[in-house]
Amino acid sequence: MKAILQRVIQGRVTVNNKIVGQIGAGYVILLGVTHGDGIDEVKKLAEKMVHLRVFEDTTGKMNRSALDCAAEMLVISQFTLYADTKKGRRPSFTKAAPPDIAAPLVEKFVAYLKQLGVTKVATGVFGADMLVHIENDGPVTIILET
């Protein structure tokens, strides 16, 4: 699994001009699934995210986790994170898991974030053409991979 984690002031995702997911301060997570990923990768990535200390404390240092500050999370499935651009000018997406494997793992990831204590987790629509609005805070953008 691979994720682009962005600390945000707010984020939302729309499908057909309709807001389907929206959060306040927290993370927008662009999440990709590859072949061989399973529940172990889901748990490892989710646990890393909720405990990663990238939110500022009272002294302005990144010293607080998502759980410490009740961060909200917006999870967007994104197969393009596994684009292979080594050959030619058109990316190959063969490293991305097919939808029948990826969709259930994205759902398990969302469920596990909630199980770990994230009070608000919003999502996009798997496989849909989505418009993602991100107000990156910092900016803080971190790539995580299992």
Protein backbone atom coordinates (compact mmCIF):
# COMPACT_ATOMS: atom_id res chain seq x y z
CA MET A 1 0.00 0.00 0.00
CA LYS A 2 1.06 3.51 -0.69
CA ALA A 3 -0.39 6.75 0.64
CA ILE A 4 0.10 10.43 0.14
CA LEU A 5 -0.75 12.02 3.45
CA GLN A 6 -1.55 15.72 3.47
CA ARG A 7 -2.16 17.68 6.63
CA VAL A 8 -5.09 19.98 5.89
CA ILE A 9 -7.16 22.77 7.32
CA GLN A 10 -10.08 21.24 5.43
CA GLY A 11 -10.77 18.91 2.56
CA ARG A 12 -13.69 17.68 0.51
CA VAL A 13 -14.42 15.49 -2.47
CA THR A 14 -17.19 15.93 -5.01
CA VAL A 15 -18.67 13.56 -7.56
CA ASN A 16 -20.97 15.00 -10.25
CA ASN A 17 -20.93 18.39 -8.47
CA LYS A 18 -22.17 16.81 -5.23
CA ILE A 19 -20.08 16.74 -2.04
CA VAL A 20 -19.67 13.09 -1.02
CA GLY A 21 -17.06 13.54 1.72
CA GLN A 22 -15.87 16.51 3.74
CA ILE A 23 -13.60 17.10 6.75
CA GLY A 24 -12.17 19.90 8.85
CA ALA A 25 -8.61 19.88 10.18
CA GLY A 26 -6.78 16.61 9.75
CA TYR A 27 -5.53 14.48 6.85
CA VAL A 28 -6.50 14.02 3.25
CA ILE A 29 -5.18 10.56 2.39
CA LEU A 30 -4.67 9.49 -1.21
CA LEU A 31 -4.51 5.70 -0.95
CA GLY A 32 -3.20 3.19 -3.48
CA VAL A 33 -3.37 -0.61 -3.29
CA THR A 34 -0.98 -2.95 -5.08
CA HIS A 35 -0.82 -6.70 -5.68
CA GLY A 36 -0.16 -8.71 -2.56
CA ASP A 37 -1.56 -6.12 -0.16
CA GLY A 38 -3.77 -7.45 2.60
CA ILE A 39 -4.97 -6.80 6.12
CA ASP A 40 -1.41 -6.63 7.49
CA GLU A 41 -0.60 -3.69 5.20
CA VAL A 42 -3.92 -2.02 6.07
CA LYS A 43 -3.18 -2.20 9.79
CA LYS A 44 0.47 -1.16 9.48
CA LEU A 45 -0.34 1.91 7.36
CA ALA A 46 -3.34 3.01 9.45
CA GLU A 47 -1.43 2.65 12.71
CA LYS A 48 1.49 4.66 11.31
CA MET A 49 -0.87 7.46 10.23
CA VAL A 50 -2.78 7.87 13.47
CA HIS A 51 0.41 7.93 15.55
CA LEU A 52 2.61 10.01 13.22
CA ARG A 53 3.46 13.26 15.00
CA VAL A 54 2.98 15.98 12.39
CA PHE A 55 0.54 18.29 14.17
CA GLU A 56 1.94 21.26 16.06
CA ASP A 57 2.06 21.49 19.83
CA THR A 58 1.81 24.73 21.81
CA THR A 59 5.43 25.59 20.98
CA GLY A 60 4.88 25.23 17.24
CA LYS A 61 6.78 21.94 16.89
CA MET A 62 5.33 18.96 15.03
CA ASN A 63 4.87 16.85 18.13
CA ARG A 64 1.21 15.76 18.20
CA SER A 65 -0.46 12.81 16.50
CA ALA A 66 -3.82 12.70 14.76
CA LEU A 67 -5.27 11.03 17.84
CA ASP A 68 -3.80 13.70 20.13
CA CYS A 69 -5.68 16.46 18.33
CA ALA A 70 -8.85 14.66 17.17
CA ALA A 71 -7.86 15.01 13.52
CA GLU A 72 -10.45 14.13 10.88
CA MET A 73 -9.53 12.06 7.83
CA LEU A 74 -10.68 11.97 4.22
CA VAL A 75 -9.64 8.81 2.37
CA ILE A 76 -9.54 8.87 -1.44
CA SER A 77 -8.71 5.69 -3.34
CA GLN A 78 -6.16 6.42 -6.04
CA PHE A 79 -4.78 3.68 -8.30
CA THR A 80 -2.57 6.23 -10.08
CA LEU A 81 -0.16 6.16 -7.13
CA TYR A 82 1.14 2.96 -8.71
CA ALA A 83 1.80 4.52 -12.12
CA ASP A 84 4.91 3.18 -13.84
CA THR A 85 6.47 5.86 -16.06
CA LYS A 86 9.80 4.19 -16.80
CA LYS A 87 8.99 3.45 -20.43
CA GLY A 88 7.33 5.66 -23.00
CA ARG A 89 5.07 8.59 -22.36
CA ARG A 90 1.93 6.85 -21.21
CA PRO A 91 1.94 5.50 -17.65
CA SER A 92 1.23 1.84 -17.00
CA PHE A 93 -0.99 0.97 -14.06
CA THR A 94 -0.31 -2.77 -13.92
CA LYS A 95 1.19 -2.41 -10.43
CA ALA A 96 -2.17 -1.24 -9.07
CA ALA A 97 -4.42 -3.95 -7.67
CA PRO A 98 -7.65 -4.57 -9.60
CA PRO A 99 -10.86 -3.07 -8.17
CA ASP A 100 -12.16 -6.37 -6.77
CA ILE A 101 -9.07 -6.53 -4.54
CA ALA A 102 -8.48 -2.81 -3.92
CA ALA A 103 -12.03 -1.71 -3.00
CA PRO A 104 -12.43 -4.08 -0.01
CA LEU A 105 -8.98 -3.14 1.29
CA VAL A 106 -9.81 0.57 1.10
CA GLU A 107 -13.00 -0.15 3.07
CA LYS A 108 -11.02 -2.12 5.66
CA PHE A 109 -8.52 0.74 5.92
CA VAL A 110 -11.35 3.19 6.66
CA ALA A 111 -12.88 0.82 9.22
CA TYR A 112 -9.52 0.32 10.92
CA LEU A 113 -8.91 4.08 11.20
CA LYS A 114 -12.23 4.29 13.07
CA GLN A 115 -11.30 1.31 15.23
CA LEU A 116 -8.05 3.06 16.17
CA GLY A 117 -10.02 6.06 17.44
CA VAL A 118 -10.38 8.49 14.54
CA THR A 119 -13.81 9.99 15.18
CA LYS A 120 -14.56 11.26 11.67
CA VAL A 121 -13.46 9.43 8.54
CA ALA A 122 -14.98 10.50 5.22
CA THR A 123 -14.39 8.93 1.81
CA GLY A 124 -14.73 9.48 -1.87
CA VAL A 125 -16.47 7.03 -4.20
CA PHE A 126 -14.30 4.12 -5.30
CA GLY A 127 -13.71 4.19 -9.06
CA ALA A 128 -15.58 7.46 -9.61
CA ASP A 129 -14.27 10.56 -11.35
CA MET A 130 -13.70 12.74 -8.29
CA LEU A 131 -12.75 16.36 -7.73
CA VAL A 132 -10.67 16.63 -4.55
CA HIS A 133 -10.33 19.98 -2.78
CA ILE A 134 -7.34 20.14 -0.44
CA GLU A 135 -6.32 23.06 1.76
CA ASN A 136 -2.85 21.79 2.64
CA ASP A 137 -1.66 23.07 6.00
CA GLY A 138 2.03 23.93 6.21
CA PRO A 139 2.25 22.53 3.59
CA VAL A 140 2.84 19.11 5.08
CA THR A 141 2.83 16.25 2.57
CA ILE A 142 4.27 12.84 3.45
CA ILE A 143 4.57 9.67 1.39
CA LEU A 144 4.03 6.43 3.30
CA GLU A 145 4.49 2.95 1.90
CA THR A 146 4.29 -0.54 3.37
